């Protein structure tokens, strides 16, 4: 794909509406598992991060910067900074294959999972329905998001339909149950949420009893069916019904959340900056 001309990603764009939404946490867990299933990404996480001792650290450290590529005043500078964080993430995986975080297909897959997570917020947790035109718009805004990293555009599908075909191919043929992905799936299936970053010590019981089933439902239920089937990840009809109930409840209750509490700090700062600029004008 040729490098496209920059487009505005402001408060009127769909990507602004959903990428920084706190509901991304409900779709982002499955996106994270899908990232780790990519051979290059999985190997990089094992060899260049503390994923096995601090599994939440990678999310807390990387997600705000990735969202900053959309919401920061100079999103392109943020994108280049994110790209450069990955310069040294390369090596040989457990099967003797060379990998690099900046290999075009590897970097694109990481972004594709974020695109999937944002689209899932709209499809599963929002009252607004994406018709074909709006889905295409959201995808093209995602291309701009990717363009700002300053990496090769070669693997980027030009349309949402082409992206869907590429996504299906990766899910059916490219992804593997890497060491990191196996650990993430095991956490979702068997471990209790505990000592979540940012939550007080007194909430540990609530984390275990309330967050654990939600994490399992969203992390495993958000995976494409072909991925669960390929790797034998258990998922029952009862769990599917429970997930649908959760999505419906989340969708209906979200309308009562004040706007100022709906977004991550990076997105909230952007909304405030835009509001201040409008007042000054």
Protein backbone atom coordinates (compact mmCIF):
# COMPACT_ATOMS: atom_id res chain seq x y z
CA UNK A 1 0.00 0.00 0.00
CA UNK A 2 1.32 3.46 -0.90
CA UNK A 3 1.74 5.86 2.00
CA UNK A 4 -1.57 7.78 2.19
CA UNK A 5 -1.92 11.48 2.80
CA UNK A 6 -2.50 12.43 6.45
CA UNK A 7 -6.09 12.85 7.59
CA UNK A 8 -7.46 14.52 10.70
CA UNK A 9 -8.24 12.35 13.69
CA UNK A 10 -10.16 14.83 15.77
CA UNK A 11 -13.20 14.67 18.03
CA UNK A 12 -15.51 14.18 15.06
CA UNK A 13 -13.76 11.00 13.99
CA UNK A 14 -15.01 7.57 14.98
CA UNK A 15 -11.57 6.50 16.19
CA UNK A 16 -11.65 9.30 18.78
CA UNK A 17 -15.05 8.13 19.90
CA UNK A 18 -14.02 4.56 20.72
CA UNK A 19 -10.24 4.07 20.91
CA UNK A 20 -9.79 5.90 24.22
CA UNK A 21 -13.06 4.64 25.68
CA UNK A 22 -12.62 2.71 28.95
CA UNK A 23 -14.67 -0.09 27.38
CA UNK A 24 -11.58 -0.88 25.34
CA UNK A 25 -10.52 -2.81 28.43
CA UNK A 26 -13.37 -5.25 27.80
CA UNK A 27 -12.24 -5.97 24.23
CA UNK A 28 -8.54 -5.42 24.70
CA UNK A 29 -7.82 -8.59 26.67
CA UNK A 30 -8.65 -10.84 23.73
CA UNK A 31 -6.69 -8.51 21.44
CA UNK A 32 -3.70 -8.93 23.74
CA UNK A 33 -3.95 -12.72 23.55
CA UNK A 34 -4.11 -12.50 19.75
CA UNK A 35 -0.98 -10.36 19.75
CA UNK A 36 0.89 -12.93 21.80
CA UNK A 37 -0.16 -15.67 19.35
CA UNK A 38 1.87 -14.06 16.60
CA UNK A 39 5.23 -15.88 16.54
CA UNK A 40 7.34 -12.71 16.40
CA UNK A 41 5.33 -10.82 18.99
CA UNK A 42 5.16 -13.76 21.34
CA UNK A 43 8.91 -14.30 21.17
CA UNK A 44 9.62 -10.61 21.70
CA UNK A 45 7.46 -10.47 24.81
CA UNK A 46 9.15 -13.56 26.29
CA UNK A 47 12.68 -12.31 25.67
CA UNK A 48 12.32 -8.55 26.11
CA UNK A 49 9.74 -7.98 28.85
CA UNK A 50 8.82 -9.07 32.37
CA UNK A 51 5.58 -10.62 31.13
CA UNK A 52 5.80 -13.75 33.31
CA UNK A 53 6.47 -11.85 36.54
CA UNK A 54 4.50 -8.66 35.82
CA UNK A 55 1.87 -9.63 33.20
CA UNK A 56 -0.05 -6.34 33.49
CA UNK A 57 3.02 -4.15 33.17
CA UNK A 58 3.17 -4.40 29.39
CA UNK A 59 -0.45 -3.23 29.06
CA UNK A 60 -0.08 -0.34 31.49
CA UNK A 61 3.16 0.82 29.93
CA UNK A 62 2.32 0.53 26.23
CA UNK A 63 -1.39 1.26 25.83
CA UNK A 64 -1.32 4.98 26.82
CA UNK A 65 1.43 5.66 24.30
CA UNK A 66 -0.38 3.76 21.56
CA UNK A 67 -3.51 5.79 22.26
CA UNK A 68 -1.38 8.91 22.27
CA UNK A 69 -0.71 8.32 18.57
CA UNK A 70 -4.38 9.20 18.10
CA UNK A 71 -4.99 11.73 20.85
CA UNK A 72 -1.74 13.65 21.36
CA UNK A 73 -1.40 17.08 19.81
CA UNK A 74 1.51 15.76 17.74
CA UNK A 75 0.38 12.18 17.25
CA UNK A 76 3.01 11.58 14.58
CA UNK A 77 5.84 12.37 17.01
CA UNK A 78 4.27 9.98 19.51
CA UNK A 79 3.98 7.33 16.82
CA UNK A 80 7.65 7.64 15.91
CA UNK A 81 8.55 7.36 19.60
CA UNK A 82 6.49 4.17 19.91
CA UNK A 83 8.16 2.79 16.79
CA UNK A 84 11.61 3.52 18.19
CA UNK A 85 10.82 1.69 21.43
CA UNK A 86 10.80 -1.46 19.31
CA UNK A 87 14.15 -1.02 17.57
CA UNK A 88 15.99 -3.45 19.85
CA UNK A 89 13.23 -6.04 20.09
CA UNK A 90 14.60 -8.73 17.84
CA UNK A 91 16.29 -12.08 18.12
CA UNK A 92 15.79 -15.80 17.49
CA UNK A 93 12.67 -17.55 18.77
CA UNK A 94 12.41 -20.96 20.44
CA UNK A 95 12.11 -22.63 17.00
CA UNK A 96 15.24 -20.98 15.62
CA UNK A 97 13.36 -18.40 13.55
CA UNK A 98 14.59 -14.80 13.46
CA UNK A 99 12.07 -12.19 14.56
CA UNK A 100 11.90 -8.42 14.80
CA UNK A 101 9.17 -6.27 16.30
CA UNK A 102 9.61 -3.89 13.37
CA UNK A 103 9.21 -6.54 10.68
CA UNK A 104 6.35 -5.08 8.60
CA UNK A 105 3.90 -7.98 8.99
CA UNK A 106 4.66 -8.29 12.72
CA UNK A 107 4.16 -4.60 13.45
CA UNK A 108 1.01 -4.57 11.33
CA UNK A 109 -0.50 -7.51 13.21
CA UNK A 110 0.00 -5.71 16.53
CA UNK A 111 -1.90 -2.74 15.11
CA UNK A 112 -4.56 -4.98 13.55
CA UNK A 113 -5.42 -6.33 17.00
CA UNK A 114 -5.96 -2.78 18.25
CA UNK A 115 -8.18 -2.08 15.24
CA UNK A 116 -10.10 -5.24 16.13
CA UNK A 117 -10.45 -4.12 19.76
CA UNK A 118 -11.74 -0.66 18.81
CA UNK A 119 -14.24 -2.09 16.34
CA UNK A 120 -15.35 -4.57 19.00
CA UNK A 121 -16.14 -1.70 21.38
CA UNK A 122 -18.58 -0.36 18.82
CA UNK A 123 -20.01 -3.74 17.85
CA UNK A 124 -20.34 -5.32 21.27
CA UNK A 125 -20.49 -2.58 23.90
CA UNK A 126 -21.99 0.50 22.24
CA UNK A 127 -25.58 1.36 21.29
CA UNK A 128 -24.46 2.76 17.94
CA UNK A 129 -24.43 0.27 15.07
CA UNK A 130 -21.72 0.41 12.43
CA UNK A 131 -23.23 0.39 8.96
CA UNK A 132 -20.84 -0.46 6.08
CA UNK A 133 -19.94 3.19 5.42
CA UNK A 134 -19.10 3.91 9.05
CA UNK A 135 -17.17 0.66 9.38
CA UNK A 136 -15.11 1.66 6.35
CA UNK A 137 -14.59 5.12 7.85
CA UNK A 138 -13.39 3.62 11.13
CA UNK A 139 -10.97 1.40 9.24
CA UNK A 140 -9.56 4.25 7.16
CA UNK A 141 -9.05 6.26 10.34
CA UNK A 142 -7.18 3.22 11.63
CA UNK A 143 -4.91 3.43 8.58
CA UNK A 144 -4.07 7.01 9.58
CA UNK A 145 -3.36 5.77 13.11
CA UNK A 146 -0.91 3.28 11.60
CA UNK A 147 0.62 5.80 9.18
CA UNK A 148 1.74 7.91 12.13
CA UNK A 149 4.19 5.25 13.28
CA UNK A 150 6.35 5.92 10.23
CA UNK A 151 6.77 2.27 9.33
CA UNK A 152 6.24 0.36 6.09
CA UNK A 153 2.69 0.54 4.74
CA UNK A 154 3.25 -2.53 2.55
CA UNK A 155 1.21 -5.01 4.64
CA UNK A 156 -1.71 -2.62 5.24
CA UNK A 157 -4.88 -3.69 3.40
CA UNK A 158 -6.42 -0.75 1.52
CA UNK A 159 -10.05 -1.43 2.51
CA UNK A 160 -11.96 -2.88 5.42
CA UNK A 161 -13.00 -5.85 3.28
CA UNK A 162 -9.36 -6.59 2.42
CA UNK A 163 -8.45 -6.20 6.10
CA UNK A 164 -11.07 -8.82 6.97
CA UNK A 165 -9.54 -11.30 4.54
CA UNK A 166 -6.05 -10.68 5.93
CA UNK A 167 -7.36 -10.99 9.49
CA UNK A 168 -9.02 -14.33 8.71
CA UNK A 169 -5.80 -15.60 7.09
CA UNK A 170 -3.71 -14.75 10.13
CA UNK A 171 -6.22 -16.33 12.51
CA UNK A 172 -6.45 -19.53 10.46
CA UNK A 173 -2.85 -19.95 9.30
CA UNK A 174 -0.28 -17.67 10.95
CA UNK A 175 -1.02 -17.57 14.68
CA UNK A 176 0.53 -20.13 17.00
CA UNK A 177 0.12 -21.09 20.63
CA UNK A 178 3.36 -19.40 21.63
CA UNK A 179 4.81 -19.67 25.12
CA UNK A 180 3.50 -16.21 25.97
CA UNK A 181 0.04 -16.88 24.52
CA UNK A 182 -0.21 -20.17 26.40
CA UNK A 183 0.56 -18.33 29.63
CA UNK A 184 -2.03 -15.65 28.87
CA UNK A 185 -4.74 -18.21 28.08
CA UNK A 186 -3.90 -20.16 31.24
CA UNK A 187 -4.22 -16.96 33.29
CA UNK A 188 -7.63 -16.23 31.77
CA UNK A 189 -8.91 -19.76 32.31
CA UNK A 190 -7.51 -20.64 35.72
CA UNK A 191 -6.12 -17.73 37.71
CA UNK A 192 -7.89 -15.28 39.99
CA UNK A 193 -7.46 -11.57 39.37
CA UNK A 194 -5.43 -10.23 42.27
CA UNK A 195 -3.39 -7.13 43.04
CA UNK A 196 -4.54 -5.34 39.92
CA UNK A 197 -2.45 -2.20 39.31
CA UNK A 198 -4.14 0.98 40.51
CA UNK A 199 -6.67 -0.78 42.74
CA UNK A 200 -6.44 -0.55 46.55
CA UNK A 201 -5.36 -3.46 48.72
CA UNK A 202 -8.77 -3.70 50.38
CA UNK A 203 -10.38 -4.54 47.02
CA UNK A 204 -8.49 -7.82 46.53
CA UNK A 205 -11.51 -9.98 47.42
CA UNK A 206 -13.71 -8.00 45.02
CA UNK A 207 -11.08 -8.36 42.32
CA UNK A 208 -11.01 -12.12 42.72
CA UNK A 209 -14.75 -12.60 42.83
CA UNK A 210 -15.99 -9.91 40.43
CA UNK A 211 -13.19 -9.19 37.96
CA UNK A 212 -12.04 -12.79 37.47
CA UNK A 213 -15.20 -14.05 35.69
CA UNK A 214 -15.38 -10.86 33.60
CA UNK A 215 -11.76 -11.22 32.51
CA UNK A 216 -12.34 -14.84 31.53
CA UNK A 217 -15.51 -14.07 29.57
CA UNK A 218 -14.05 -11.13 27.69
CA UNK A 219 -10.57 -12.55 27.08
CA UNK A 220 -11.71 -15.97 25.84
CA UNK A 221 -15.09 -14.96 24.43
CA UNK A 222 -13.57 -12.12 22.43
CA UNK A 223 -11.30 -14.47 20.50
CA UNK A 224 -12.43 -15.35 16.96
CA UNK A 225 -14.11 -18.79 17.00
CA UNK A 226 -11.54 -20.18 14.57
CA UNK A 227 -8.76 -19.33 17.04
CA UNK A 228 -10.51 -21.05 19.94
CA UNK A 229 -11.14 -24.10 17.76
CA UNK A 230 -7.60 -24.29 16.36
CA UNK A 231 -6.00 -24.26 19.79
CA UNK A 232 -8.64 -26.18 21.73
CA UNK A 233 -9.49 -23.29 24.06
CA UNK A 234 -12.60 -24.30 26.00
CA UNK A 235 -15.72 -22.21 25.48
CA UNK A 236 -19.26 -23.37 26.24
CA UNK A 237 -22.71 -22.30 25.09
CA UNK A 238 -23.42 -21.18 28.66
CA UNK A 239 -20.34 -18.94 28.67
CA UNK A 240 -21.38 -17.49 25.30
CA UNK A 241 -24.81 -16.64 26.77
CA UNK A 242 -23.17 -15.11 29.85
CA UNK A 243 -20.96 -12.95 27.64
CA UNK A 244 -23.96 -11.73 25.62
CA UNK A 245 -25.72 -10.81 28.86
CA UNK A 246 -22.66 -8.94 30.07
CA UNK A 247 -22.32 -7.05 26.77
CA UNK A 248 -25.99 -6.04 26.83
CA UNK A 249 -25.82 -4.86 30.43
CA UNK A 250 -22.60 -2.95 29.79
CA UNK A 251 -24.10 -1.35 26.69
CA UNK A 252 -27.27 -0.25 28.48
CA UNK A 253 -25.60 1.01 31.66
CA UNK A 254 -22.88 2.94 29.86
CA UNK A 255 -25.30 5.65 28.77
CA UNK A 256 -25.55 6.74 32.42
CA UNK A 257 -21.79 7.23 32.82
CA UNK A 258 -20.89 10.95 32.60
CA UNK A 259 -18.76 11.83 29.59
CA UNK A 260 -15.80 12.91 31.74
CA UNK A 261 -15.51 9.41 33.23
CA UNK A 262 -15.76 7.46 29.99
CA UNK A 263 -12.25 7.91 28.66
CA UNK A 264 -8.69 7.02 29.49
CA UNK A 265 -6.40 9.81 30.76
CA UNK A 266 -4.74 10.28 27.36
CA UNK A 267 -8.12 10.69 25.65
CA UNK A 268 -9.53 12.85 28.47
CA UNK A 269 -6.61 15.25 28.13
CA UNK A 270 -7.27 15.47 24.39
CA UNK A 271 -10.96 16.24 24.91
CA UNK A 272 -10.01 18.99 27.38
CA UNK A 273 -7.43 20.43 24.99
CA UNK A 274 -9.96 20.61 22.19
CA UNK A 275 -12.59 22.16 24.48
CA UNK A 276 -10.12 24.79 25.67
CA UNK A 277 -9.16 25.62 22.10
CA UNK A 278 -12.82 26.02 21.15
CA UNK A 279 -13.43 28.38 24.07
CA UNK A 280 -10.35 30.43 23.22
CA UNK A 281 -11.50 30.72 19.61
